Amino acid sequence: MSLATVSRLANGSARVSPAIQQRVLAAAAQLGVDLHRQGKARVIAFLLCNRDLLHPFHSRVLVGAEGYCAAHGYSMLFMSVRYSPNVPWKEIYLPPLLQRRDVVRALIVAGANSQNFIDLLDHRAVPFVVLGNNFFGPWDAERHDAVFFDDISGGYEATRYLLSLGHREIWFVGNSQLPWFARRMQGYSRAMEEAGLLPLQAGIDSNNEPEVGYLATKSIVSQERKMTAILTGSDSAAEGAYRALRDAGLSVPGDVSVMGFNDIEAALLHPPLTTVRVFAEQVGQQLAEVLLNRLAHPEHPPERLMIPTQIIRRESCAPRSA
């Protein structure tokens, strides 16, 4: 049995089979060693990967995670990490601080992430949990812990709400190359198809969400496409859509109803934005709870938690005019 295997188990990694886990724990018990108490560090690192700045959504996730950790005797360290999704895991630079179990006990992995970074953490035997909504590619729920919020259902329910107001020419605005926009569009498309309607999507490949909302909406207007409602992939994109509609002399919701996603800046817009609320602080709390459970019980199977969303009705949506 290798030292690396024992290290993985002591550090809370899920990459150890149940049979080997029992052998290691039995041998440790005979020696009077409690592997679950070997790590002395009481610091959890919150990693924001591949993002230019701390988005308001991630700020709220961080607050929720930090509060849970503090209540359980852990400190939170925030770090920004950048890597290319197109390089082998061996070529990704992992700050030395994150590899020291005597300093940082485990990681909450947020931001935008790819499989190569997960492979790196696996090979370094670093315990971690991932914010799953922002992961590029399929998630392996049988190997790793993750917390999701249900943005697919959020997009579906948001579209059904617009349909209930009589809208039929409903556009989805967002960069569908990004996983969080793609999942919300997936829910939107399902609701449209169930209603016998063709999904309508506009967007540009950009990480600047207000820019996406502005340019995509301006494109719809300039092409004189029929549009009575817009579902944007984020509140920030909705702010851009507002500007484009006003530039075209159109009012919200008199001419076009607009709906957002996240409920971050929604109440500050004019008119206040109807949106899908994501319980960001609860997402952060769950990420921290799953991670601390992993440290306490490394032998348990990986967790995949899903947190629901909620429609928040404000003044930016109205029944379709005759």
Protein backbone atom coordinates (compact mmCIF):
# COMPACT_ATOMS: atom_id res chain seq x y z
CA MET A 1 0.00 0.00 0.00
CA SER A 2 1.54 3.30 -1.11
CA LEU A 3 2.16 6.40 0.97
CA ALA A 4 0.10 8.37 -1.56
CA THR A 5 -2.94 6.18 -0.88
CA VAL A 6 -2.66 6.75 2.87
CA SER A 7 -2.20 10.48 2.23
CA ARG A 8 -5.36 10.64 0.09
CA LEU A 9 -7.41 8.99 2.79
CA ALA A 10 -5.99 11.16 5.57
CA ASN A 11 -6.70 14.30 3.54
CA GLY A 12 -10.31 13.40 2.73
CA SER A 13 -9.96 12.39 -0.91
CA ALA A 14 -12.77 10.35 -2.43
CA ARG A 15 -10.34 8.63 -4.85
CA VAL A 16 -9.82 5.59 -2.63
CA SER A 17 -11.93 2.45 -2.98
CA PRO A 18 -14.02 1.33 0.02
CA ALA A 19 -11.99 -1.88 0.37
CA ILE A 20 -8.67 -0.03 0.52
CA GLN A 21 -10.17 2.56 2.87
CA GLN A 22 -11.11 -0.16 5.34
CA ARG A 23 -7.65 -1.73 5.16
CA VAL A 24 -5.94 1.62 5.80
CA LEU A 25 -8.26 2.56 8.66
CA ALA A 26 -7.88 -0.88 10.27
CA ALA A 27 -4.09 -0.69 10.08
CA ALA A 28 -4.12 2.84 11.51
CA ALA A 29 -6.38 1.72 14.37
CA GLN A 30 -3.95 -1.07 15.28
CA LEU A 31 -1.22 1.56 15.51
CA GLY A 32 -3.41 3.90 17.55
CA VAL A 33 -3.49 6.54 14.77
CA ASP A 34 -6.66 8.47 13.90
CA LEU A 35 -6.16 9.49 10.27
CA HIS A 36 -9.18 11.79 10.40
CA ARG A 37 -7.41 14.00 12.93
CA GLN A 38 -3.99 14.12 11.34
CA GLY A 39 -4.56 17.37 9.42
CA LYS A 40 -3.94 20.31 11.73
CA ALA A 41 -4.77 23.08 9.29
CA ARG A 42 -8.05 24.93 9.87
CA VAL A 43 -8.04 26.92 6.64
CA ILE A 44 -10.28 26.37 3.61
CA ALA A 45 -9.30 28.05 0.32
CA PHE A 46 -12.02 29.51 -1.89
CA LEU A 47 -10.71 29.43 -5.47
CA LEU A 48 -12.18 31.72 -8.10
CA CYS A 49 -10.91 30.20 -11.33
CA ASN A 50 -10.69 31.87 -14.73
CA ARG A 51 -12.75 34.95 -13.90
CA ASP A 52 -11.60 38.55 -14.38
CA LEU A 53 -13.19 39.82 -11.20
CA LEU A 54 -15.25 38.70 -8.24
CA HIS A 55 -18.76 38.65 -9.71
CA PRO A 56 -21.51 39.72 -7.29
CA PHE A 57 -22.90 36.19 -7.43
CA HIS A 58 -19.58 34.66 -6.38
CA SER A 59 -19.28 37.30 -3.67
CA ARG A 60 -22.49 36.01 -2.11
CA VAL A 61 -21.39 32.39 -2.49
CA LEU A 62 -18.14 33.31 -0.75
CA VAL A 63 -20.01 35.01 2.10
CA GLY A 64 -22.14 31.91 2.65
CA ALA A 65 -19.15 29.58 2.61
CA GLU A 66 -17.09 31.79 4.92
CA GLY A 67 -19.91 32.04 7.44
CA TYR A 68 -20.35 28.27 7.60
CA CYS A 69 -16.63 27.67 7.93
CA ALA A 70 -16.28 30.29 10.68
CA ALA A 71 -19.12 28.67 12.63
CA HIS A 72 -17.22 25.38 12.50
CA GLY A 73 -13.81 26.69 13.47
CA TYR A 74 -12.30 27.16 9.99
CA SER A 75 -10.86 30.28 8.37
CA MET A 76 -11.40 31.15 4.71
CA LEU A 77 -8.64 32.09 2.26
CA PHE A 78 -9.68 33.64 -1.07
CA MET A 79 -7.45 33.08 -4.10
CA SER A 80 -7.76 33.73 -7.82
CA VAL A 81 -6.41 31.03 -10.14
CA ARG A 82 -6.04 31.08 -13.93
CA TYR A 83 -5.35 28.18 -16.25
CA SER A 84 -6.08 27.09 -19.80
CA PRO A 85 -8.73 24.39 -20.27
CA ASN A 86 -6.76 23.08 -23.25
CA VAL A 87 -3.53 21.96 -21.57
CA PRO A 88 -2.71 18.67 -19.80
CA TRP A 89 -3.17 18.74 -16.04
CA LYS A 90 0.59 18.41 -15.53
CA GLU A 91 1.11 21.82 -17.16
CA ILE A 92 -1.28 23.72 -14.85
CA TYR A 93 0.42 25.80 -12.19
CA LEU A 94 -1.01 25.18 -8.74
CA PRO A 95 0.26 27.71 -6.18
CA PRO A 96 2.53 25.90 -3.67
CA LEU A 97 0.41 27.19 -0.79
CA LEU A 98 -2.52 25.13 -2.02
CA GLN A 99 -0.43 21.97 -1.99
CA ARG A 100 0.50 22.28 1.68
CA ARG A 101 -1.94 20.36 3.86
CA ASP A 102 -0.36 21.93 6.93
CA VAL A 103 -1.56 25.34 5.70
CA VAL A 104 -4.66 24.80 3.54
CA ARG A 105 -6.85 21.86 4.47
CA ALA A 106 -9.13 21.71 1.42
CA LEU A 107 -10.57 23.70 -1.49
CA ILE A 108 -13.89 25.13 -2.63
CA VAL A 109 -13.53 25.35 -6.41
CA ALA A 110 -15.68 28.10 -7.96
CA GLY A 111 -15.41 30.29 -11.04
CA ALA A 112 -15.24 28.53 -14.42
CA ASN A 113 -13.53 25.14 -14.41
CA SER A 114 -12.58 22.27 -16.69
CA GLN A 115 -11.70 18.61 -16.28
CA ASN A 116 -7.93 19.15 -16.44
CA PHE A 117 -8.00 21.17 -13.21
CA ILE A 118 -10.02 18.44 -11.49
CA ASP A 119 -7.45 15.90 -12.68
CA LEU A 120 -4.69 18.05 -11.21
CA LEU A 121 -6.36 18.16 -7.79
CA ASP A 122 -6.91 14.41 -7.99
CA HIS A 123 -3.25 13.71 -8.64
CA ARG A 124 -2.20 16.11 -5.87
CA ALA A 125 -4.62 14.33 -3.49
CA VAL A 126 -6.23 17.65 -2.52
CA PRO A 127 -9.73 17.40 -0.97
CA PHE A 128 -12.19 19.66 -2.81
CA VAL A 129 -15.79 20.41 -3.71
CA VAL A 130 -16.89 22.10 -6.95
CA LEU A 131 -19.60 24.62 -7.79
CA GLY A 132 -21.01 22.42 -10.53
CA ASN A 133 -23.02 24.95 -12.55
CA ASN A 134 -19.87 26.59 -13.91
CA PHE A 135 -18.12 23.37 -14.92
CA PHE A 136 -17.37 22.85 -18.63
CA GLY A 137 -18.25 19.33 -19.73
CA PRO A 138 -20.03 16.38 -18.08
CA TRP A 139 -19.68 16.04 -14.31
CA ASP A 140 -18.53 12.71 -12.83
CA ALA A 141 -20.84 12.45 -9.83
CA GLU A 142 -19.44 9.05 -8.85
CA ARG A 143 -15.96 10.44 -8.11
CA HIS A 144 -16.26 13.96 -6.73
CA ASP A 145 -18.38 16.23 -4.55
CA ALA A 146 -20.35 19.05 -6.16
CA VAL A 147 -23.12 21.50 -5.35
CA PHE A 148 -25.47 22.78 -8.05
CA PHE A 149 -28.36 25.20 -8.14
CA ASP A 150 -31.16 24.19 -10.48
CA ASP A 151 -30.72 26.66 -13.30
CA ILE A 152 -32.29 24.30 -15.85
CA SER A 153 -35.57 24.29 -13.92
CA GLY A 154 -35.12 28.02 -13.33
CA GLY A 155 -34.98 28.68 -17.06
CA TYR A 156 -37.94 26.37 -17.61
CA GLU A 157 -40.15 28.00 -14.96
CA ALA A 158 -39.18 31.50 -16.08
CA THR A 159 -40.28 30.70 -19.63
CA ARG A 160 -43.51 29.14 -18.43
CA TYR A 161 -44.22 32.34 -16.49
CA LEU A 162 -43.77 34.44 -19.63
CA LEU A 163 -45.98 32.01 -21.55
CA SER A 164 -48.65 32.36 -18.86
CA LEU A 165 -48.70 36.11 -19.58
CA GLY A 166 -49.62 35.35 -23.19
CA HIS A 167 -46.17 35.85 -24.73
CA ARG A 168 -45.18 33.67 -27.66
CA GLU A 169 -42.30 35.54 -29.32
CA ILE A 170 -39.96 34.97 -26.36
CA TRP A 171 -36.22 35.29 -26.98
CA PHE A 172 -33.42 33.87 -24.89
CA VAL A 173 -30.46 36.26 -24.70
CA GLY A 174 -27.07 35.03 -23.48
CA ASN A 175 -23.72 33.52 -24.41
CA SER A 176 -24.67 29.85 -24.77
CA GLN A 177 -20.97 28.92 -25.00
CA LEU A 178 -20.79 29.39 -21.23
CA PRO A 179 -22.22 26.50 -19.20
CA TRP A 180 -24.38 28.61 -16.92
CA PHE A 181 -26.07 30.30 -19.89
CA ALA A 182 -26.35 26.99 -21.76
CA ARG A 183 -28.14 25.28 -18.87
CA ARG A 184 -30.65 28.12 -18.51
CA MET A 185 -31.26 28.06 -22.27
CA GLN A 186 -31.84 24.32 -22.00
CA GLY A 187 -34.73 24.91 -19.61
CA TYR A 188 -36.06 27.74 -21.78
CA SER A 189 -35.96 25.58 -24.91
CA ARG A 190 -37.85 22.74 -23.22
CA ALA A 191 -40.66 25.07 -22.13
CA MET A 192 -40.92 26.61 -25.60
CA GLU A 193 -41.02 23.22 -27.31
CA GLU A 194 -43.65 21.93 -24.90
CA ALA A 195 -45.76 24.96 -25.87
CA GLY A 196 -45.32 24.12 -29.55
CA LEU A 197 -43.12 27.14 -30.14
CA LEU A 198 -39.73 27.55 -31.80
CA PRO A 199 -36.93 28.56 -29.37
CA LEU A 200 -35.40 31.91 -30.33
CA GLN A 201 -31.85 32.65 -29.19
CA ALA A 202 -29.50 35.58 -29.63
CA GLY A 203 -26.07 36.14 -28.13
CA ILE A 204 -22.39 36.79 -28.66
CA ASP A 205 -19.33 34.91 -27.44
CA SER A 206 -18.25 37.23 -24.64
CA ASN A 207 -17.77 37.06 -20.87
CA ASN A 208 -19.06 40.64 -20.53
CA GLU A 209 -22.67 39.97 -19.63
CA PRO A 210 -24.06 43.53 -20.02
CA GLU A 211 -22.38 43.65 -23.43
CA VAL A 212 -23.95 40.32 -24.39
CA GLY A 213 -27.39 41.58 -23.37
CA TYR A 214 -27.00 44.88 -25.17
CA LEU A 215 -25.60 43.61 -28.47
CA ALA A 216 -27.86 40.57 -28.71
CA THR A 217 -31.00 42.61 -28.05
CA LYS A 218 -29.87 45.34 -30.46
CA SER A 219 -29.39 42.65 -33.12
CA ILE A 220 -32.96 41.36 -32.64
CA VAL A 221 -34.35 44.89 -32.91
CA SER A 222 -32.25 45.86 -35.93
CA GLN A 223 -33.38 42.75 -37.81
CA GLU A 224 -37.01 43.67 -37.01
CA ARG A 225 -37.66 40.23 -35.58
CA LYS A 226 -40.92 39.72 -33.68
CA MET A 227 -40.32 39.99 -29.93
CA THR A 228 -42.68 40.60 -27.01
CA ALA A 229 -40.52 39.15 -24.22
CA ILE A 230 -36.88 38.41 -23.42
CA LEU A 231 -35.43 35.93 -20.94
CA THR A 232 -31.82 36.86 -20.28
CA GLY A 233 -29.28 34.44 -18.83
CA SER A 234 -28.36 36.85 -16.01
CA ASP A 235 -29.46 40.10 -14.39
CA SER A 236 -26.35 41.76 -15.85
CA ALA A 237 -27.40 40.70 -19.34
CA ALA A 238 -30.88 42.08 -18.62
CA GLU A 239 -29.34 45.47 -17.81
CA GLY A 240 -27.75 45.45 -21.27
CA ALA A 241 -31.08 44.44 -22.83
CA TYR A 242 -32.79 47.37 -21.07
CA ARG A 243 -30.29 49.80 -22.64
CA ALA A 244 -30.72 48.36 -26.13
CA LEU A 245 -34.52 48.56 -25.91
CA ARG A 246 -34.39 52.16 -24.71
CA ASP A 247 -32.00 53.06 -27.52
CA ALA A 248 -34.63 51.72 -29.91
CA GLY A 249 -37.40 53.74 -28.27
CA LEU A 250 -39.05 50.67 -26.74
CA SER A 251 -40.31 50.55 -23.17
CA VAL A 252 -40.13 47.82 -20.51
CA PRO A 253 -42.62 46.25 -20.00
CA GLY A 254 -44.97 48.27 -22.26
CA ASP A 255 -43.40 47.03 -25.50
CA VAL A 256 -41.17 44.16 -24.32
CA SER A 257 -41.23 42.22 -21.06
CA VAL A 258 -37.79 41.36 -19.71
CA MET A 259 -36.83 38.66 -17.22
CA GLY A 260 -33.41 38.02 -15.67
CA PHE A 261 -31.60 35.34 -13.70
CA ASN A 262 -29.71 35.37 -10.33
CA ASP A 263 -31.59 38.14 -8.45
CA ILE A 264 -28.35 40.02 -7.78
CA GLU A 265 -28.85 43.50 -9.27
CA ALA A 266 -32.51 42.93 -10.24
CA ALA A 267 -34.20 45.17 -7.68
CA LEU A 268 -31.86 48.07 -8.58
CA LEU A 269 -32.86 48.23 -12.24
CA HIS A 270 -35.61 50.51 -13.53
CA PRO A 271 -38.19 49.11 -13.70
CA PRO A 272 -37.27 46.51 -11.04
CA LEU A 273 -36.50 43.26 -12.81
CA THR A 274 -38.53 40.07 -12.63
CA THR A 275 -35.94 37.34 -12.23
CA VAL A 276 -35.02 33.84 -11.10
CA ARG A 277 -33.61 33.93 -7.60
CA VAL A 278 -30.56 31.80 -6.92
CA PHE A 279 -29.95 31.36 -3.20
CA ALA A 280 -26.25 32.16 -3.50
CA GLU A 281 -25.45 32.26 0.22
CA GLN A 282 -27.11 28.86 0.63
CA VAL A 283 -25.01 27.54 -2.25
CA GLY A 284 -21.89 28.72 -0.39
CA GLN A 285 -23.04 27.17 2.87
CA GLN A 286 -23.70 23.85 1.17
CA LEU A 287 -20.31 23.90 -0.55
CA ALA A 288 -18.62 24.40 2.82
CA GLU A 289 -20.77 21.79 4.54
CA VAL A 290 -20.09 19.15 1.89
CA LEU A 291 -16.37 19.87 2.09
CA LEU A 292 -16.17 19.65 5.88
CA ASN A 293 -18.20 16.43 5.74
CA ARG A 294 -15.64 15.07 3.28
CA LEU A 295 -12.81 15.87 5.67
CA ALA A 296 -14.63 14.22 8.55
CA HIS A 297 -15.79 11.18 6.56
CA PRO A 298 -13.45 10.53 3.61
CA GLU A 299 -14.87 7.03 3.20
CA HIS A 300 -18.38 8.29 2.33
CA PRO A 301 -19.49 8.28 -1.33
CA PRO A 302 -19.35 11.61 -3.20
CA GLU A 303 -22.26 14.01 -2.77
CA ARG A 304 -24.15 15.86 -5.49
CA LEU A 305 -26.53 18.42 -4.02
CA MET A 306 -29.09 20.43 -6.02
CA ILE A 307 -30.52 23.69 -4.63
CA PRO A 308 -33.83 24.93 -6.11
CA THR A 309 -34.48 28.39 -7.54
CA GLN A 310 -37.47 30.73 -7.22
CA ILE A 311 -39.32 33.11 -9.55
CA ILE A 312 -39.36 36.69 -8.17
CA ARG A 313 -42.07 38.80 -9.81
CA ARG A 314 -41.40 42.52 -10.13
CA GLU A 315 -42.38 45.24 -12.61
CA SER A 316 -40.48 44.32 -15.80
CA CYS A 317 -43.03 41.78 -17.06
CA ALA A 318 -46.63 42.39 -18.11
CA PRO A 319 -49.31 40.48 -20.05
CA ARG A 320 -48.88 40.58 -23.78
CA SER A 321 -50.84 43.42 -25.30
CA ALA A 322 -53.46 42.50 -27.88
